[in-house]
Amino acid sequence: MDIFAQLAFDKYASYIWFSYGLTFITIAFLFLRAKTAHRDTIKQLRIKYSRDS
């Protein structure tokens, strides 16, 4: 069984690989956005609670 033959997907290869790529890009974008939002929230909480001390 040749792996590259399995990955060819016949005439639907461009659609399938485009879909895989778009899915990967979307997941990466959402991950980075969540990571940035988390970092910003932690920064805001540190600023808020450092003023209250």
PDB file of N, CA and C in Angstrom:
ATOM      1  N   MET A   1       0.857  -1.186   0.000  1.00  0.00           N
ATOM      2  CA  MET A   1       0.000   0.000   0.000  1.00  0.00           C
ATOM      3  C   MET A   1       0.896   1.240   0.000  1.00  0.00           C
ATOM      4  N   ASP A   2       0.772   2.025  -1.024  1.00  0.00           N
ATOM      5  CA  ASP A   2       1.566   3.232  -1.154  1.00  0.00           C
ATOM      6  C   ASP A   2       0.809   4.406  -0.528  1.00  0.00           C
ATOM      7  N   ILE A   3       1.455   5.079   0.394  1.00  0.00           N
ATOM      8  CA  ILE A   3       0.807   6.193   1.107  1.00  0.00           C
ATOM      9  C   ILE A   3       0.462   7.323   0.156  1.00  0.00           C
ATOM     10  N   PHE A   4       1.358   7.651  -0.763  1.00  0.00           N
ATOM     11  CA  PHE A   4       1.099   8.759  -1.685  1.00  0.00           C
ATOM     12  C   PHE A   4      -0.070   8.454  -2.612  1.00  0.00           C
ATOM     13  N   ALA A   5      -0.288   7.199  -2.922  1.00  0.00           N
ATOM     14  CA  ALA A   5      -1.443   6.828  -3.738  1.00  0.00           C
ATOM     15  C   ALA A   5      -2.737   7.044  -2.952  1.00  0.00           C
ATOM     16  N   GLN A   6      -2.690   6.821  -1.651  1.00  0.00           N
ATOM     17  CA  GLN A   6      -3.868   7.048  -0.814  1.00  0.00           C
ATOM     18  C   GLN A   6      -4.163   8.546  -0.662  1.00  0.00           C
ATOM     19  N   LEU A   7      -3.131   9.366  -0.695  1.00  0.00           N
ATOM     20  CA  LEU A   7      -3.302  10.804  -0.504  1.00  0.00           C
ATOM     21  C   LEU A   7      -3.688  11.549  -1.780  1.00  0.00           C
ATOM     22  N   ALA A   8      -3.750  10.868  -2.903  1.00  0.00           N
ATOM     23  CA  ALA A   8      -4.042  11.520  -4.177  1.00  0.00           C
ATOM     24  C   ALA A   8      -5.500  11.972  -4.266  1.00  0.00           C
ATOM     25  N   PHE A   9      -6.439  11.196  -3.749  1.00  0.00           N
ATOM     26  CA  PHE A   9      -7.863  11.529  -3.734  1.00  0.00           C
ATOM     27  C   PHE A   9      -8.456  11.756  -5.123  1.00  0.00           C
ATOM     28  N   ASP A  10      -7.863  11.201  -6.119  1.00  0.00           N
ATOM     29  CA  ASP A  10      -8.368  11.278  -7.496  1.00  0.00           C
ATOM     30  C   ASP A  10      -8.658  12.707  -7.935  1.00  0.00           C
ATOM     31  N   LYS A  11      -9.839  12.939  -8.527  1.00  0.00           N
ATOM     32  CA  LYS A  11     -10.135  14.275  -9.063  1.00  0.00           C
ATOM     33  C   LYS A  11     -10.570  15.271  -7.987  1.00  0.00           C
ATOM     34  N   TYR A  12     -10.751  14.804  -6.756  1.00  0.00           N
ATOM     35  CA  TYR A  12     -11.180  15.690  -5.671  1.00  0.00           C
ATOM     36  C   TYR A  12     -10.015  16.187  -4.823  1.00  0.00           C
ATOM     37  N   ALA A  13      -8.803  15.945  -5.251  1.00  0.00           N
ATOM     38  CA  ALA A  13      -7.617  16.269  -4.455  1.00  0.00           C
ATOM     39  C   ALA A  13      -7.543  17.759  -4.116  1.00  0.00           C
ATOM     40  N   SER A  14      -7.770  18.624  -5.081  1.00  0.00           N
ATOM     41  CA  SER A  14      -7.656  20.062  -4.807  1.00  0.00           C
ATOM     42  C   SER A  14      -8.698  20.516  -3.789  1.00  0.00           C
ATOM     43  N   TYR A  15      -9.921  20.029  -3.891  1.00  0.00           N
ATOM     44  CA  TYR A  15     -10.966  20.389  -2.937  1.00  0.00           C
ATOM     45  C   TYR A  15     -10.623  19.885  -1.537  1.00  0.00           C
ATOM     46  N   ILE A  16     -10.187  18.638  -1.452  1.00  0.00           N
ATOM     47  CA  ILE A  16      -9.900  18.038  -0.145  1.00  0.00           C
ATOM     48  C   ILE A  16      -8.711  18.720   0.511  1.00  0.00           C
ATOM     49  N   TRP A  17      -7.611  18.950  -0.225  1.00  0.00           N
ATOM     50  CA  TRP A  17      -6.443  19.586   0.369  1.00  0.00           C
ATOM     51  C   TRP A  17      -6.712  21.048   0.710  1.00  0.00           C
ATOM     52  N   PHE A  18      -7.532  21.729  -0.093  1.00  0.00           N
ATOM     53  CA  PHE A  18      -7.928  23.094   0.248  1.00  0.00           C
ATOM     54  C   PHE A  18      -8.717  23.103   1.555  1.00  0.00           C
ATOM     55  N   SER A  19      -9.615  22.139   1.708  1.00  0.00           N
ATOM     56  CA  SER A  19     -10.419  22.041   2.936  1.00  0.00           C
ATOM     57  C   SER A  19      -9.538  21.748   4.145  1.00  0.00           C
ATOM     58  N   TYR A  20      -8.576  20.832   4.001  1.00  0.00           N
ATOM     59  CA  TYR A  20      -7.648  20.542   5.088  1.00  0.00           C
ATOM     60  C   TYR A  20      -6.860  21.802   5.457  1.00  0.00           C
ATOM     61  N   GLY A  21      -6.370  22.504   4.465  1.00  0.00           N
ATOM     62  CA  GLY A  21      -5.598  23.713   4.723  1.00  0.00           C
ATOM     63  C   GLY A  21      -6.419  24.790   5.409  1.00  0.00           C
ATOM     64  N   LEU A  22      -7.623  25.008   4.916  1.00  0.00           N
ATOM     65  CA  LEU A  22      -8.503  26.008   5.515  1.00  0.00           C
ATOM     66  C   LEU A  22      -8.847  25.644   6.954  1.00  0.00           C
ATOM     67  N   THR A  23      -9.084  24.376   7.211  1.00  0.00           N
ATOM     68  CA  THR A  23      -9.377  23.921   8.569  1.00  0.00           C
ATOM     69  C   THR A  23      -8.186  24.160   9.477  1.00  0.00           C
ATOM     70  N   PHE A  24      -6.989  23.806   9.021  1.00  0.00           N
ATOM     71  CA  PHE A  24      -5.788  24.013   9.827  1.00  0.00           C
ATOM     72  C   PHE A  24      -5.575  25.492  10.122  1.00  0.00           C
ATOM     73  N   ILE A  25      -5.725  26.344   9.120  1.00  0.00           N
ATOM     74  CA  ILE A  25      -5.537  27.782   9.307  1.00  0.00           C
ATOM     75  C   ILE A  25      -6.560  28.338  10.295  1.00  0.00           C
ATOM     76  N   THR A  26      -7.805  27.891  10.190  1.00  0.00           N
ATOM     77  CA  THR A  26      -8.858  28.350  11.097  1.00  0.00           C
ATOM     78  C   THR A  26      -8.560  27.943  12.540  1.00  0.00           C
ATOM     79  N   ILE A  27      -8.166  26.686  12.734  1.00  0.00           N
ATOM     80  CA  ILE A  27      -7.855  26.213  14.082  1.00  0.00           C
ATOM     81  C   ILE A  27      -6.648  26.953  14.648  1.00  0.00           C
ATOM     82  N   ALA A  28      -5.626  27.178  13.830  1.00  0.00           N
ATOM     83  CA  ALA A  28      -4.445  27.913  14.288  1.00  0.00           C
ATOM     84  C   ALA A  28      -4.812  29.349  14.665  1.00  0.00           C
ATOM     85  N   PHE A  29      -5.655  30.000  13.844  1.00  0.00           N
ATOM     86  CA  PHE A  29      -6.087  31.372  14.139  1.00  0.00           C
ATOM     87  C   PHE A  29      -6.859  31.421  15.454  1.00  0.00           C
ATOM     88  N   LEU A  30      -7.787  30.489  15.651  1.00  0.00           N
ATOM     89  CA  LEU A  30      -8.575  30.479  16.885  1.00  0.00           C
ATOM     90  C   LEU A  30      -7.695  30.203  18.098  1.00  0.00           C
ATOM     91  N   PHE A  31      -6.727  29.311  17.957  1.00  0.00           N
ATOM     92  CA  PHE A  31      -5.809  29.017  19.054  1.00  0.00           C
ATOM     93  C   PHE A  31      -5.003  30.250  19.424  1.00  0.00           C
ATOM     94  N   LEU A  32      -4.451  30.931  18.429  1.00  0.00           N
ATOM     95  CA  LEU A  32      -3.644  32.123  18.706  1.00  0.00           C
ATOM     96  C   LEU A  32      -4.485  33.248  19.295  1.00  0.00           C
ATOM     97  N   ARG A  33      -5.710  33.394  18.812  1.00  0.00           N
ATOM     98  CA  ARG A  33      -6.589  34.432  19.354  1.00  0.00           C
ATOM     99  C   ARG A  33      -6.953  34.143  20.808  1.00  0.00           C
ATOM    100  N   ALA A  34      -7.220  32.884  21.129  1.00  0.00           N
ATOM    101  CA  ALA A  34      -7.538  32.515  22.510  1.00  0.00           C
ATOM    102  C   ALA A  34      -6.325  32.707  23.415  1.00  0.00           C
ATOM    103  N   LYS A  35      -5.141  32.370  22.909  1.00  0.00           N
ATOM    104  CA  LYS A  35      -3.921  32.537  23.688  1.00  0.00           C
ATOM    105  C   LYS A  35      -3.669  34.015  23.981  1.00  0.00           C
ATOM    106  N   THR A  36      -3.877  34.864  22.981  1.00  0.00           N
ATOM    107  CA  THR A  36      -3.692  36.301  23.160  1.00  0.00           C
ATOM    108  C   THR A  36      -4.717  36.864  24.146  1.00  0.00           C
ATOM    109  N   ALA A  37      -5.966  36.442  24.020  1.00  0.00           N
ATOM    110  CA  ALA A  37      -7.009  36.910  24.937  1.00  0.00           C
ATOM    111  C   ALA A  37      -6.708  36.469  26.365  1.00  0.00           C
ATOM    112  N   HIS A  38      -6.216  35.269  26.531  1.00  0.00           N
ATOM    113  CA  HIS A  38      -5.860  34.765  27.858  1.00  0.00           C
ATOM    114  C   HIS A  38      -4.729  35.592  28.450  1.00  0.00           C
ATOM    115  N   ARG A  39      -3.699  35.864  27.658  1.00  0.00           N
ATOM    116  CA  ARG A  39      -2.566  36.655  28.122  1.00  0.00           C
ATOM    117  C   ARG A  39      -3.012  38.065  28.520  1.00  0.00           C
ATOM    118  N   ASP A  40      -3.877  38.676  27.702  1.00  0.00           N
ATOM    119  CA  ASP A  40      -4.365  40.021  28.000  1.00  0.00           C
ATOM    120  C   ASP A  40      -5.214  40.039  29.273  1.00  0.00           C
ATOM    121  N   THR A  41      -6.022  39.008  29.465  1.00  0.00           N
ATOM    122  CA  THR A  41      -6.857  38.923  30.664  1.00  0.00           C
ATOM    123  C   THR A  41      -5.994  38.787  31.908  1.00  0.00           C
ATOM    124  N   ILE A  42      -4.983  37.943  31.842  1.00  0.00           N
ATOM    125  CA  ILE A  42      -4.077  37.781  32.983  1.00  0.00           C
ATOM    126  C   ILE A  42      -3.372  39.101  33.286  1.00  0.00           C
ATOM    127  N   LYS A  43      -2.950  39.803  32.238  1.00  0.00           N
ATOM    128  CA  LYS A  43      -2.280  41.096  32.430  1.00  0.00           C
ATOM    129  C   LYS A  43      -3.225  42.096  33.104  1.00  0.00           C
ATOM    130  N   GLN A  44      -4.476  42.158  32.644  1.00  0.00           N
ATOM    131  CA  GLN A  44      -5.449  43.077  33.233  1.00  0.00           C
ATOM    132  C   GLN A  44      -5.739  42.727  34.686  1.00  0.00           C
ATOM    133  N   LEU A  45      -5.831  41.441  34.996  1.00  0.00           N
ATOM    134  CA  LEU A  45      -6.094  41.039  36.377  1.00  0.00           C
ATOM    135  C   LEU A  45      -4.912  41.372  37.286  1.00  0.00           C
ATOM    136  N   ARG A  46      -3.698  41.196  36.781  1.00  0.00           N
ATOM    137  CA  ARG A  46      -2.530  41.552  37.589  1.00  0.00           C
ATOM    138  C   ARG A  46      -2.502  43.049  37.875  1.00  0.00           C
ATOM    139  N   ILE A  47      -2.845  43.853  36.867  1.00  0.00           N
ATOM    140  CA  ILE A  47      -2.874  45.307  37.059  1.00  0.00           C
ATOM    141  C   ILE A  47      -3.971  45.666  38.058  1.00  0.00           C
ATOM    142  N   LYS A  48      -5.136  45.062  37.922  1.00  0.00           N
ATOM    143  CA  LYS A  48      -6.264  45.360  38.809  1.00  0.00           C
ATOM    144  C   LYS A  48      -5.930  45.014  40.254  1.00  0.00           C
ATOM    145  N   TYR A  49      -5.381  43.844  40.482  1.00  0.00           N
ATOM    146  CA  TYR A  49      -5.140  43.413  41.845  1.00  0.00           C
ATOM    147  C   TYR A  49      -3.858  44.003  42.431  1.00  0.00           C
ATOM    148  N   SER A  50      -2.972  44.521  41.606  1.00  0.00           N
ATOM    149  CA  SER A  50      -1.791  45.182  42.155  1.00  0.00           C
ATOM    150  C   SER A  50      -2.159  46.578  42.672  1.00  0.00           C
ATOM    151  N   ARG A  51      -3.198  47.194  42.109  1.00  0.00           N
ATOM    152  CA  ARG A  51      -3.674  48.491  42.591  1.00  0.00           C
ATOM    153  C   ARG A  51      -4.404  48.364  43.919  1.00  0.00           C
ATOM    154  N   ASP A  52      -5.092  47.237  44.113  1.00  0.00           N
ATOM    155  CA  ASP A  52      -5.886  47.048  45.333  1.00  0.00           C
ATOM    156  C   ASP A  52      -5.018  46.766  46.552  1.00  0.00           C
ATOM    157  N   SER A  53      -3.770  46.390  46.358  1.00  0.00           N
ATOM    158  CA  SER A  53      -2.903  46.023  47.491  1.00  0.00           C
ATOM    159  C   SER A  53      -2.474  47.218  48.283  1.00  0.00           C
TER     160      SER A  53
END
